[in-house]
Each structure stands twice: as structure tokens, then as C-alpha cells.
Amino acid sequence: MSNRIDIAKIQPKALQALLGVESYLSTVELSPELKALIMLRASFINHCAYCIEMHTKEALKLGMEQQKIFALSAWEESPRFSQNEQALLRLVDEMTLIHQRGVSDSTYQACIDALGEQGVAEAMMQIIMINAWNRFALATKMQH
């Protein structure tokens, strides 16, 4: 089946609700670079080509180095990520794959230490949203 429903047309209020959360996320203090890491890493895990393409372009416009984007698939082995970024990426992995083990206490504490409670709350909301968008794009086979 190649044609899928257009949720935006069939359920515009649902799309408006998602966009309302996006509007909120545009006002938070979490840096654009950390937001880009979140969106890219979750999209890599979820194999969402639509979101990977979109957020790669955004990350490059922010000045993120291509090598850092490439290294996201193996971030735990890469020296390109700071301790704060590593804590955040671990949170992205654990929340995106929440069914495996949940979010560990050590990951949660490392994020609190790195970002503070406000930053963790903002990061969690960004992770939740990109996972929602990934599912939206994958289920409807959106093409970039």
C-alpha cells in the first residue's frame, strides 16, 4: 500500500495540538544544539528518514560539524561529545527505547547534574515530541 492517510487533513486538531507543544519547545532554554542532537539521535534510532533529513539540514545551519552528525550513530565511542552531551544522548536512547529498560537512575542523575531539573524537563519534552513526530512520519510513510 503506497498511499496512506494524511492525518493533518483528517485530524487537523490533533496536528494543531502537536504544533502547540512545538511552539512551547521553541521558547525553552535548552540550546538549539542540544535540541538538534536529541532530534537526530531519536530519528536515527527510529529509522525516520524524513526527520533525519530535516534535522540534519537544521543542524548544519546551526553550525554543527558534519563529523559530529555522522558520529551520532556511535556516540558512546566518539570523543566528539562532551560529558553533558553524553548524558543527554543516553537519556535520548533510554527514552526512545523505553520498553527495554526504562530510564536508569544513573542516566537520570547524570542528566540532572548536567542540565538541572529545568533542563531535564525540557529535554524530556523534546525527546517525547521527536518520538511522536517519528511515529507520525513512519506510520504515514511521509516523504521529504
C-alpha atoms as a PDB file:
ATOM      1  CA  MET A   1       0.000   0.000   0.000  1.00  0.00           C
ATOM      2  CA  SER A   2       1.643   3.217  -1.132  1.00  0.00           C
ATOM      3  CA  ASN A   3      -0.970   5.830  -0.237  1.00  0.00           C
ATOM      4  CA  ARG A   4      -1.525   6.478   3.441  1.00  0.00           C
ATOM      5  CA  ILE A   5      -3.861   8.860   5.190  1.00  0.00           C
ATOM      6  CA  ASP A   6      -2.927  12.475   5.673  1.00  0.00           C
ATOM      7  CA  ILE A   7      -3.505  12.875   9.392  1.00  0.00           C
ATOM      8  CA  ALA A   8      -3.156  16.651   9.083  1.00  0.00           C
ATOM      9  CA  LYS A   9      -6.221  16.718   6.819  1.00  0.00           C
ATOM     10  CA  ILE A  10      -8.249  14.099   8.651  1.00  0.00           C
ATOM     11  CA  GLN A  11      -7.390  15.189  12.207  1.00  0.00           C
ATOM     12  CA  PRO A  12      -6.283  18.841  11.996  1.00  0.00           C
ATOM     13  CA  LYS A  13      -6.946  19.420  15.701  1.00  0.00           C
ATOM     14  CA  ALA A  14      -4.508  16.640  16.590  1.00  0.00           C
ATOM     15  CA  LEU A  15      -1.847  18.247  14.401  1.00  0.00           C
ATOM     16  CA  GLN A  16      -2.587  21.634  15.989  1.00  0.00           C
ATOM     17  CA  ALA A  17      -2.062  20.090  19.430  1.00  0.00           C
ATOM     18  CA  LEU A  18       1.336  18.714  18.400  1.00  0.00           C
ATOM     19  CA  LEU A  19       2.277  22.064  16.919  1.00  0.00           C
ATOM     20  CA  GLY A  20       1.258  23.700  20.207  1.00  0.00           C
ATOM     21  CA  VAL A  21       3.850  21.606  22.031  1.00  0.00           C
ATOM     22  CA  GLU A  22       6.392  22.527  19.343  1.00  0.00           C
ATOM     23  CA  SER A  23       5.560  26.183  19.933  1.00  0.00           C
ATOM     24  CA  TYR A  24       6.232  25.704  23.644  1.00  0.00           C
ATOM     25  CA  LEU A  25       9.539  23.935  22.882  1.00  0.00           C
ATOM     26  CA  SER A  26      10.669  26.908  20.801  1.00  0.00           C
ATOM     27  CA  THR A  27      10.580  29.010  23.987  1.00  0.00           C
ATOM     28  CA  VAL A  28      12.586  26.768  26.317  1.00  0.00           C
ATOM     29  CA  GLU A  29      16.161  27.438  27.396  1.00  0.00           C
ATOM     30  CA  LEU A  30      17.590  24.145  26.086  1.00  0.00           C
ATOM     31  CA  SER A  31      20.146  25.146  23.459  1.00  0.00           C
ATOM     32  CA  PRO A  32      19.409  24.668  19.757  1.00  0.00           C
ATOM     33  CA  GLU A  33      22.477  22.400  19.517  1.00  0.00           C
ATOM     34  CA  LEU A  34      21.178  20.080  22.250  1.00  0.00           C
ATOM     35  CA  LYS A  35      17.739  20.066  20.634  1.00  0.00           C
ATOM     36  CA  ALA A  36      19.365  19.081  17.329  1.00  0.00           C
ATOM     37  CA  LEU A  37      21.248  16.221  18.987  1.00  0.00           C
ATOM     38  CA  ILE A  38      18.003  14.985  20.523  1.00  0.00           C
ATOM     39  CA  MET A  39      16.063  15.132  17.276  1.00  0.00           C
ATOM     40  CA  LEU A  40      18.783  13.497  15.225  1.00  0.00           C
ATOM     41  CA  ARG A  41      19.625  10.713  17.666  1.00  0.00           C
ATOM     42  CA  ALA A  42      15.993   9.688  18.225  1.00  0.00           C
ATOM     43  CA  SER A  43      15.334   9.829  14.480  1.00  0.00           C
ATOM     44  CA  PHE A  44      18.390   7.612  13.839  1.00  0.00           C
ATOM     45  CA  ILE A  45      17.160   5.072  16.385  1.00  0.00           C
ATOM     46  CA  ASN A  46      13.652   5.118  14.906  1.00  0.00           C
ATOM     47  CA  HIS A  47      14.948   4.978  11.304  1.00  0.00           C
ATOM     48  CA  CYS A  48      12.900   8.012  10.346  1.00  0.00           C
ATOM     49  CA  ALA A  49      14.434   9.213   7.074  1.00  0.00           C
ATOM     50  CA  TYR A  50      12.025  12.148   6.833  1.00  0.00           C
ATOM     51  CA  CYS A  51      13.107  13.553  10.208  1.00  0.00           C
ATOM     52  CA  ILE A  52      16.789  12.696   9.720  1.00  0.00           C
ATOM     53  CA  GLU A  53      16.898  14.718   6.525  1.00  0.00           C
ATOM     54  CA  MET A  54      15.020  17.653   8.037  1.00  0.00           C
ATOM     55  CA  HIS A  55      17.021  17.823  11.261  1.00  0.00           C
ATOM     56  CA  THR A  56      20.378  17.235   9.577  1.00  0.00           C
ATOM     57  CA  LYS A  57      19.787  20.343   7.471  1.00  0.00           C
ATOM     58  CA  GLU A  58      18.828  22.285  10.606  1.00  0.00           C
ATOM     59  CA  ALA A  59      21.914  21.063  12.498  1.00  0.00           C
ATOM     60  CA  LEU A  60      24.205  22.099   9.664  1.00  0.00           C
ATOM     61  CA  LYS A  61      22.601  25.564   9.598  1.00  0.00           C
ATOM     62  CA  LEU A  62      23.344  25.820  13.332  1.00  0.00           C
ATOM     63  CA  GLY A  63      26.996  25.161  12.541  1.00  0.00           C
ATOM     64  CA  MET A  64      27.187  21.572  13.784  1.00  0.00           C
ATOM     65  CA  GLU A  65      30.110  19.789  12.163  1.00  0.00           C
ATOM     66  CA  GLN A  66      29.255  17.010   9.735  1.00  0.00           C
ATOM     67  CA  GLN A  67      31.606  14.639  11.566  1.00  0.00           C
ATOM     68  CA  LYS A  68      29.634  15.137  14.759  1.00  0.00           C
ATOM     69  CA  ILE A  69      26.399  14.317  12.958  1.00  0.00           C
ATOM     70  CA  PHE A  70      27.993  11.203  11.471  1.00  0.00           C
ATOM     71  CA  ALA A  71      29.319  10.184  14.898  1.00  0.00           C
ATOM     72  CA  LEU A  72      25.843  10.234  16.461  1.00  0.00           C
ATOM     73  CA  SER A  73      25.256   6.652  15.407  1.00  0.00           C
ATOM     74  CA  ALA A  74      28.178   5.620  17.649  1.00  0.00           C
ATOM     75  CA  TRP A  75      28.195   8.479  20.150  1.00  0.00           C
ATOM     76  CA  GLU A  76      29.317   6.303  23.073  1.00  0.00           C
ATOM     77  CA  GLU A  77      32.583   5.577  21.257  1.00  0.00           C
ATOM     78  CA  SER A  78      33.180   9.090  19.948  1.00  0.00           C
ATOM     79  CA  PRO A  79      35.320  11.777  21.584  1.00  0.00           C
ATOM     80  CA  ARG A  80      33.237  14.453  19.820  1.00  0.00           C
ATOM     81  CA  PHE A  81      30.622  14.696  22.571  1.00  0.00           C
ATOM     82  CA  SER A  82      31.009  16.482  25.896  1.00  0.00           C
ATOM     83  CA  GLN A  83      30.007  14.821  29.166  1.00  0.00           C
ATOM     84  CA  ASN A  84      26.798  16.864  29.181  1.00  0.00           C
ATOM     85  CA  GLU A  85      26.003  15.770  25.624  1.00  0.00           C
ATOM     86  CA  GLN A  86      26.755  12.151  26.519  1.00  0.00           C
ATOM     87  CA  ALA A  87      24.358  12.304  29.465  1.00  0.00           C
ATOM     88  CA  LEU A  88      21.691  13.793  27.211  1.00  0.00           C
ATOM     89  CA  LEU A  89      22.256  11.229  24.455  1.00  0.00           C
ATOM     90  CA  ARG A  90      21.995   8.409  26.972  1.00  0.00           C
ATOM     91  CA  LEU A  91      18.644   9.864  28.046  1.00  0.00           C
ATOM     92  CA  VAL A  92      17.528  10.041  24.403  1.00  0.00           C
ATOM     93  CA  ASP A  93      18.476   6.409  23.877  1.00  0.00           C
ATOM     94  CA  GLU A  94      16.769   5.179  27.031  1.00  0.00           C
ATOM     95  CA  MET A  95      13.576   7.184  26.489  1.00  0.00           C
ATOM     96  CA  THR A  96      13.347   6.274  22.807  1.00  0.00           C
ATOM     97  CA  LEU A  97      13.875   2.605  23.670  1.00  0.00           C
ATOM     98  CA  ILE A  98      11.912   2.882  26.924  1.00  0.00           C
ATOM     99  CA  HIS A  99      10.452  -0.602  26.521  1.00  0.00           C
ATOM    100  CA  GLN A 100      13.893  -2.161  27.017  1.00  0.00           C
ATOM    101  CA  ARG A 101      14.896  -0.947  30.477  1.00  0.00           C
ATOM    102  CA  GLY A 102      13.222   2.367  31.137  1.00  0.00           C
ATOM    103  CA  VAL A 103      15.392   5.300  32.206  1.00  0.00           C
ATOM    104  CA  SER A 104      18.079   4.230  34.642  1.00  0.00           C
ATOM    105  CA  ASP A 105      18.771   6.093  37.862  1.00  0.00           C
ATOM    106  CA  SER A 106      22.348   6.710  36.743  1.00  0.00           C
ATOM    107  CA  THR A 107      21.230   8.275  33.462  1.00  0.00           C
ATOM    108  CA  TYR A 108      18.632  10.396  35.208  1.00  0.00           C
ATOM    109  CA  GLN A 109      21.147  11.633  37.792  1.00  0.00           C
ATOM    110  CA  ALA A 110      23.798  12.360  35.153  1.00  0.00           C
ATOM    111  CA  CYS A 111      21.257  14.486  33.281  1.00  0.00           C
ATOM    112  CA  ILE A 112      20.212  16.327  36.437  1.00  0.00           C
ATOM    113  CA  ASP A 113      23.892  17.026  37.149  1.00  0.00           C
ATOM    114  CA  ALA A 114      24.476  18.200  33.572  1.00  0.00           C
ATOM    115  CA  LEU A 115      21.283  20.122  32.833  1.00  0.00           C
ATOM    116  CA  GLY A 116      19.461  20.714  36.120  1.00  0.00           C
ATOM    117  CA  GLU A 117      15.822  19.874  36.708  1.00  0.00           C
ATOM    118  CA  GLN A 118      14.509  22.500  34.284  1.00  0.00           C
ATOM    119  CA  GLY A 119      16.876  21.350  31.538  1.00  0.00           C
ATOM    120  CA  VAL A 120      15.958  17.695  32.057  1.00  0.00           C
ATOM    121  CA  ALA A 121      12.247  18.517  31.892  1.00  0.00           C
ATOM    122  CA  GLU A 122      12.795  20.454  28.659  1.00  0.00           C
ATOM    123  CA  ALA A 123      14.954  17.681  27.200  1.00  0.00           C
ATOM    124  CA  MET A 124      12.354  15.055  28.100  1.00  0.00           C
ATOM    125  CA  MET A 125       9.623  17.032  26.360  1.00  0.00           C
ATOM    126  CA  GLN A 126      11.827  17.404  23.264  1.00  0.00           C
ATOM    127  CA  ILE A 127      12.520  13.646  23.280  1.00  0.00           C
ATOM    128  CA  ILE A 128       8.816  12.879  23.648  1.00  0.00           C
ATOM    129  CA  MET A 129       7.965  15.191  20.745  1.00  0.00           C
ATOM    130  CA  ILE A 130      10.540  13.881  18.287  1.00  0.00           C
ATOM    131  CA  ASN A 131       9.455  10.337  19.050  1.00  0.00           C
ATOM    132  CA  ALA A 132       5.857  11.385  18.345  1.00  0.00           C
ATOM    133  CA  TRP A 133       6.882  13.031  15.061  1.00  0.00           C
ATOM    134  CA  ASN A 134       8.953   9.984  14.078  1.00  0.00           C
ATOM    135  CA  ARG A 135       5.939   7.757  14.609  1.00  0.00           C
ATOM    136  CA  PHE A 136       3.708  10.184  12.713  1.00  0.00           C
ATOM    137  CA  ALA A 137       6.109  10.219   9.729  1.00  0.00           C
ATOM    138  CA  LEU A 138       6.836   6.488   9.720  1.00  0.00           C
ATOM    139  CA  ALA A 139       3.235   5.326  10.093  1.00  0.00           C
ATOM    140  CA  THR A 140       2.080   7.552   7.224  1.00  0.00           C
ATOM    141  CA  LYS A 141       5.221   6.972   5.109  1.00  0.00           C
ATOM    142  CA  MET A 142       5.932  10.682   4.774  1.00  0.00           C
ATOM    143  CA  GLN A 143       8.412  11.582   2.062  1.00  0.00           C
ATOM    144  CA  HIS A 144      10.790  14.504   2.452  1.00  0.00           C
END
